[in-house]
Amino acid sequence: MSQALQDLLDLLDLEQIEENIFRGRSRSAVVPRVFGGQVAAQALVAAGRTVPADRHAHSLHAYFLRMGDPGAPIVYNVERIRDGRSFTTRRAVAVQHGRPIFTLSASFQTYEEGLDHQLPMPASPDPVTLPTSAERLRGYDHLPPDVVERFLEARQAIDLRYVEEPPYGKFGEPREPHSQVWFRTNGKLADDPLLHVVLATYVSDMTLLDSVLLAHGRGGWAVGDVVGASLDHAMWFHRPFRADEWLLYDQESPSAHGGRGLGQARIYTQDGQLAVSVIQEGVVRVPRPD
């Protein structure tokens, strides 16, 4: 396991203060605020630790309320909404400086047999044939060195590979609002199902709004031609998967309007199993001239 992955796992390993109260650390992201995927993943950890081990996360719905302060801890208050025979529901609120910055509702289910079908996996190249993040980013002379280093630092724990050029790599002309990324952790993980779901939740916030930028030929926050932030995030976990094995993140944007952009995606295992569905809306604004 890489040291960066161990550091990420330590970041997601919350301190339990009371029966339903947990505390997590923060750190800066590519932009000077707490990375939304970190807050979502920590909130899911907090909720999951109040649920019996035989019940696995099958969905989450979350709202980003305020920017997180990377210099302060985050307290997660978990409310035990329901414990049914098959399903368990939890609500987690992340608090900093006495104010909520994020809310998450998550549902957990015991395993059961049932109907089974899925959309087929789209075509995509073998991930090992694609450039690594470091190889791509260090080839972009138009990106400031400090931006490149922040990107690389943020992705040290995750091997993330774009199939095509990312928005900040090629911009200026609209492209199809569709993006594919392969990812896996940089090291093996334990066999805890919640851990793999949490890591996928963390990664899911990294690139989902890329397809919005592609549709308008924008490079994104890395080049400063848009400003934005995640607003809400929803995930459905359909089938078991491992976050330390290659996963295809197939993303598209059906709409952008009113300063908001919508991204939707599916995550497939390398053998073609549909593992996760994701939807996110975010603020995507073009900076106004002075």
Protein backbone atom coordinates (compact mmCIF):
# COMPACT_ATOMS: atom_id res chain seq x y z
CA MET A 1 0.00 0.00 0.00
CA SER A 2 1.29 3.45 -0.89
CA GLN A 3 1.85 5.97 1.89
CA ALA A 4 -0.59 8.32 0.16
CA LEU A 5 -3.33 5.67 0.29
CA GLN A 6 -2.58 4.98 3.96
CA ASP A 7 -2.83 8.72 4.66
CA LEU A 8 -6.21 8.80 2.88
CA LEU A 9 -7.48 5.83 4.89
CA ASP A 10 -6.33 7.56 8.08
CA LEU A 11 -8.20 10.70 6.98
CA LEU A 12 -11.40 8.65 6.55
CA ASP A 13 -10.97 6.78 9.87
CA LEU A 14 -13.11 8.94 12.16
CA GLU A 15 -12.78 9.37 15.89
CA GLN A 16 -15.94 8.39 17.78
CA ILE A 17 -16.77 10.99 20.43
CA GLU A 18 -20.19 9.74 21.56
CA GLU A 19 -22.56 6.99 20.42
CA ASN A 20 -23.75 8.93 17.37
CA ILE A 21 -21.07 11.65 17.12
CA PHE A 22 -17.83 11.37 15.16
CA ARG A 23 -14.96 13.73 14.41
CA GLY A 24 -12.84 13.85 11.28
CA ARG A 25 -9.78 15.76 10.19
CA SER A 26 -9.67 18.02 7.15
CA ARG A 27 -7.13 18.88 4.51
CA SER A 28 -6.95 21.22 1.54
CA ALA A 29 -7.97 20.10 -1.92
CA VAL A 30 -7.00 21.34 -5.38
CA VAL A 31 -8.96 24.48 -4.51
CA PRO A 32 -8.52 26.15 -1.08
CA ARG A 33 -11.41 24.37 0.64
CA VAL A 34 -12.23 20.88 1.85
CA PHE A 35 -12.73 18.46 -1.05
CA GLY A 36 -16.42 17.54 -1.30
CA GLY A 37 -15.63 13.87 -1.86
CA GLN A 38 -13.81 13.82 1.47
CA VAL A 39 -16.83 15.16 3.37
CA ALA A 40 -19.20 12.76 1.61
CA ALA A 41 -16.93 9.80 2.31
CA GLN A 42 -16.45 10.73 5.97
CA ALA A 43 -20.20 11.22 6.43
CA LEU A 44 -20.82 7.77 4.95
CA VAL A 45 -18.23 6.29 7.32
CA ALA A 46 -20.02 7.92 10.28
CA ALA A 47 -23.41 6.64 9.15
CA GLY A 48 -22.07 3.17 8.37
CA ARG A 49 -20.54 2.75 11.81
CA THR A 50 -24.00 2.92 13.39
CA VAL A 51 -25.36 0.11 11.18
CA PRO A 52 -25.09 -3.69 11.68
CA ALA A 53 -22.25 -5.25 9.68
CA ASP A 54 -24.61 -7.43 7.62
CA ARG A 55 -26.30 -4.34 6.11
CA HIS A 56 -24.51 -2.75 3.19
CA ALA A 57 -24.91 0.76 1.75
CA HIS A 58 -27.14 0.78 -1.31
CA SER A 59 -27.79 4.52 -1.73
CA LEU A 60 -26.89 7.99 -0.53
CA HIS A 61 -28.32 11.45 -1.16
CA ALA A 62 -26.37 14.51 -0.06
CA TYR A 63 -26.31 18.30 -0.16
CA PHE A 64 -23.24 20.53 0.05
CA LEU A 65 -24.31 23.54 2.12
CA ARG A 66 -21.15 25.56 2.81
CA MET A 67 -17.47 25.44 1.90
CA GLY A 68 -15.47 23.39 4.37
CA ASP A 69 -12.54 24.93 6.27
CA PRO A 70 -9.47 22.70 5.76
CA GLY A 71 -7.91 24.13 8.94
CA ALA A 72 -10.64 22.86 11.28
CA PRO A 73 -11.99 19.42 12.25
CA ILE A 74 -15.44 18.32 11.08
CA VAL A 75 -17.98 16.88 13.52
CA TYR A 76 -20.52 14.37 12.16
CA ASN A 77 -23.81 13.95 14.00
CA VAL A 78 -25.67 10.78 13.00
CA GLU A 79 -29.43 10.42 13.42
CA ARG A 80 -30.81 6.88 13.46
CA ILE A 81 -33.88 7.41 11.31
CA ARG A 82 -35.09 3.82 10.93
CA ASP A 83 -34.07 0.23 11.62
CA GLY A 84 -36.36 -2.08 9.66
CA ARG A 85 -36.24 -5.80 8.98
CA SER A 86 -34.43 -5.32 5.66
CA PHE A 87 -33.43 -1.65 5.47
CA THR A 88 -31.68 0.79 7.78
CA THR A 89 -31.72 4.56 7.23
CA ARG A 90 -29.30 7.10 8.68
CA ARG A 91 -28.90 10.86 8.40
CA ALA A 92 -25.52 12.51 9.00
CA VAL A 93 -24.87 16.24 9.36
CA ALA A 94 -21.32 17.58 9.06
CA VAL A 95 -20.67 20.63 11.26
CA GLN A 96 -17.82 23.15 11.35
CA HIS A 97 -17.63 26.29 13.48
CA GLY A 98 -21.14 25.57 14.81
CA ARG A 99 -22.78 25.50 11.34
CA PRO A 100 -23.79 22.60 9.09
CA ILE A 101 -21.70 22.36 5.93
CA PHE A 102 -23.07 19.08 4.52
CA THR A 103 -25.96 16.68 5.00
CA LEU A 104 -26.22 13.06 3.93
CA SER A 105 -29.00 10.48 4.02
CA ALA A 106 -27.92 6.89 3.45
CA SER A 107 -29.79 3.61 3.25
CA PHE A 108 -28.41 0.17 4.04
CA GLN A 109 -29.88 -3.24 3.19
CA THR A 110 -29.40 -6.88 4.08
CA TYR A 111 -28.55 -9.06 1.09
CA GLU A 112 -31.44 -10.73 -0.72
CA GLU A 113 -32.06 -12.49 -4.03
CA GLY A 114 -34.13 -10.67 -6.67
CA LEU A 115 -34.56 -9.64 -10.29
CA ASP A 116 -31.30 -8.86 -12.05
CA HIS A 117 -30.53 -6.87 -15.22
CA GLN A 118 -28.26 -3.99 -16.22
CA LEU A 119 -27.27 -1.72 -19.08
CA PRO A 120 -24.19 -3.06 -20.90
CA MET A 121 -20.79 -1.57 -20.26
CA PRO A 122 -19.72 0.95 -22.97
CA ALA A 123 -16.59 0.38 -25.00
CA SER A 124 -13.39 1.67 -23.42
CA PRO A 125 -9.65 0.97 -23.82
CA ASP A 126 -7.70 -1.12 -21.34
CA PRO A 127 -6.72 1.21 -18.46
CA VAL A 128 -3.09 0.05 -18.40
CA THR A 129 -2.66 1.46 -21.93
CA LEU A 130 -3.65 4.98 -20.82
CA PRO A 131 -1.35 7.73 -19.48
CA THR A 132 -1.18 8.14 -15.73
CA SER A 133 -2.23 11.40 -14.10
CA ALA A 134 1.42 12.38 -13.68
CA GLU A 135 2.20 11.68 -17.32
CA ARG A 136 -0.72 13.79 -18.53
CA LEU A 137 -0.38 16.68 -16.11
CA ARG A 138 3.37 17.13 -16.51
CA GLY A 139 2.84 17.42 -20.26
CA TYR A 140 0.61 20.51 -19.97
CA ASP A 141 2.82 23.59 -20.27
CA HIS A 142 -0.22 25.89 -20.03
CA LEU A 143 -0.97 24.83 -16.44
CA PRO A 144 0.85 26.69 -13.65
CA PRO A 145 3.32 24.39 -11.84
CA ASP A 146 1.56 24.89 -8.50
CA VAL A 147 -1.76 23.75 -10.03
CA VAL A 148 -0.10 20.63 -11.44
CA GLU A 149 1.43 19.81 -8.07
CA ARG A 150 -1.88 20.29 -6.25
CA PHE A 151 -3.59 17.96 -8.72
CA LEU A 152 -0.88 15.33 -8.31
CA GLU A 153 -0.91 15.58 -4.52
CA ALA A 154 -4.70 15.20 -4.47
CA ARG A 155 -4.48 12.04 -6.60
CA GLN A 156 -1.48 10.28 -5.05
CA ALA A 157 -3.74 7.74 -3.37
CA ILE A 158 -5.78 7.09 -6.52
CA ASP A 159 -4.57 5.83 -9.90
CA LEU A 160 -6.90 7.88 -12.13
CA ARG A 161 -6.58 7.72 -15.93
CA TYR A 162 -8.58 9.72 -18.47
CA VAL A 163 -9.52 7.96 -21.71
CA GLU A 164 -9.51 11.30 -23.60
CA GLU A 165 -7.98 14.66 -22.81
CA PRO A 166 -9.48 16.17 -19.63
CA PRO A 167 -11.12 19.62 -19.86
CA TYR A 168 -8.02 21.41 -18.58
CA GLY A 169 -5.85 19.59 -21.11
CA LYS A 170 -7.74 20.59 -24.23
CA PHE A 171 -10.19 23.48 -24.19
CA GLY A 172 -11.48 26.38 -26.27
CA GLU A 173 -13.83 24.39 -28.50
CA PRO A 174 -16.96 22.51 -27.39
CA ARG A 175 -16.68 18.75 -27.29
CA GLU A 176 -19.15 15.94 -26.73
CA PRO A 177 -20.39 16.16 -23.10
CA HIS A 178 -19.03 12.71 -22.29
CA SER A 179 -15.98 11.64 -20.34
CA GLN A 180 -14.51 8.31 -19.29
CA VAL A 181 -12.07 7.76 -16.45
CA TRP A 182 -10.58 4.53 -15.11
CA PHE A 183 -9.61 4.50 -11.44
CA ARG A 184 -8.45 2.29 -8.58
CA THR A 185 -6.67 2.87 -5.30
CA ASN A 186 -2.86 2.84 -5.29
CA GLY A 187 -2.70 -0.28 -3.15
CA LYS A 188 -4.80 -3.15 -1.86
CA LEU A 189 -7.62 -2.57 0.61
CA ALA A 190 -9.11 -4.71 3.36
CA ASP A 191 -12.20 -6.78 2.58
CA ASP A 192 -14.60 -4.43 4.41
CA PRO A 193 -17.47 -3.68 1.92
CA LEU A 194 -18.11 -0.26 3.49
CA LEU A 195 -14.50 0.75 2.86
CA HIS A 196 -14.79 0.10 -0.89
CA VAL A 197 -18.07 2.02 -1.10
CA VAL A 198 -16.52 4.91 0.84
CA LEU A 199 -13.49 5.07 -1.50
CA ALA A 200 -15.74 5.08 -4.57
CA THR A 201 -17.74 7.90 -2.98
CA TYR A 202 -14.53 9.86 -2.43
CA VAL A 203 -13.42 9.47 -6.06
CA SER A 204 -16.90 10.11 -7.51
CA ASP A 205 -16.65 13.84 -6.78
CA MET A 206 -13.32 14.30 -8.60
CA THR A 207 -14.41 14.37 -12.25
CA LEU A 208 -18.21 14.19 -12.54
CA LEU A 209 -18.72 17.78 -13.72
CA ASP A 210 -16.02 17.42 -16.41
CA SER A 211 -18.67 16.63 -19.00
CA VAL A 212 -20.40 19.96 -18.31
CA LEU A 213 -17.13 21.76 -19.06
CA LEU A 214 -16.51 19.73 -22.21
CA ALA A 215 -19.86 20.76 -23.69
CA HIS A 216 -18.79 24.42 -23.55
CA GLY A 217 -15.08 24.13 -24.30
CA ARG A 218 -14.14 25.22 -20.79
CA GLY A 219 -10.98 24.13 -19.02
CA GLY A 220 -12.39 24.45 -15.53
CA TRP A 221 -11.06 25.61 -12.19
CA ALA A 222 -7.49 24.61 -13.15
CA VAL A 223 -7.32 27.32 -15.83
CA GLY A 224 -9.75 29.78 -14.25
CA ASP A 225 -12.37 30.02 -17.00
CA VAL A 226 -15.18 28.84 -14.69
CA VAL A 227 -15.87 28.91 -10.98
CA GLY A 228 -18.02 26.35 -9.29
CA ALA A 229 -18.78 23.89 -6.53
CA SER A 230 -20.82 20.75 -5.94
CA LEU A 231 -24.42 21.33 -4.85
CA ASP A 232 -25.87 17.87 -4.37
CA HIS A 233 -24.76 14.30 -4.94
CA ALA A 234 -26.57 10.97 -5.16
CA MET A 235 -25.24 7.43 -5.55
CA TRP A 236 -26.82 3.98 -5.86
CA PHE A 237 -24.64 0.93 -5.16
CA HIS A 238 -26.07 -1.90 -7.27
CA ARG A 239 -23.54 -4.72 -7.00
CA PRO A 240 -20.43 -5.55 -4.95
CA PHE A 241 -17.13 -4.16 -6.22
CA ARG A 242 -13.61 -3.47 -5.06
CA ALA A 243 -12.16 0.03 -5.20
CA ASP A 244 -8.64 -1.42 -5.43
CA GLU A 245 -9.47 -2.99 -8.80
CA TRP A 246 -10.02 -1.06 -12.03
CA LEU A 247 -13.39 0.70 -12.29
CA LEU A 248 -14.68 2.56 -15.35
CA TYR A 249 -16.37 5.89 -14.55
CA ASP A 250 -18.52 6.69 -17.60
CA GLN A 251 -19.83 10.27 -17.27
CA GLU A 252 -22.05 12.61 -19.27
CA SER A 253 -23.94 15.89 -18.89
CA PRO A 254 -27.54 16.07 -20.13
CA SER A 255 -28.06 19.72 -19.18
CA ALA A 256 -26.60 23.01 -17.97
CA HIS A 257 -28.73 26.07 -17.23
CA GLY A 258 -29.08 28.90 -14.75
CA GLY A 259 -25.52 28.72 -13.46
CA ARG A 260 -25.87 25.00 -12.73
CA GLY A 261 -24.67 21.91 -14.55
CA LEU A 262 -25.81 18.31 -14.20
CA GLY A 263 -23.54 15.30 -14.43
CA GLN A 264 -24.65 11.69 -14.43
CA ALA A 265 -22.52 8.56 -14.56
CA ARG A 266 -22.23 4.83 -14.20
CA ILE A 267 -19.35 2.92 -12.65
CA TYR A 268 -18.52 -0.51 -14.07
CA THR A 269 -16.13 -3.21 -12.93
CA GLN A 270 -13.52 -4.24 -15.48
CA ASP A 271 -15.48 -7.42 -16.26
CA GLY A 272 -18.57 -5.35 -17.18
CA GLN A 273 -20.70 -5.40 -14.04
CA LEU A 274 -22.67 -2.19 -13.39
CA ALA A 275 -21.64 -1.39 -9.83
CA VAL A 276 -22.76 2.20 -9.14
CA SER A 277 -24.93 4.96 -10.59
CA VAL A 278 -24.11 8.60 -9.76
CA ILE A 279 -25.80 11.96 -10.30
CA GLN A 280 -24.48 15.36 -9.25
CA GLU A 281 -25.49 18.96 -9.83
CA GLY A 282 -23.02 21.76 -9.33
CA VAL A 283 -22.63 25.50 -9.66
CA VAL A 284 -20.78 26.21 -12.92
CA ARG A 285 -20.38 29.94 -13.56
CA VAL A 286 -18.35 31.88 -16.08
CA PRO A 287 -16.39 34.60 -14.24
CA ARG A 288 -17.68 38.08 -14.90
CA PRO A 289 -15.25 40.65 -16.30
CA ASP A 290 -14.19 43.32 -13.83
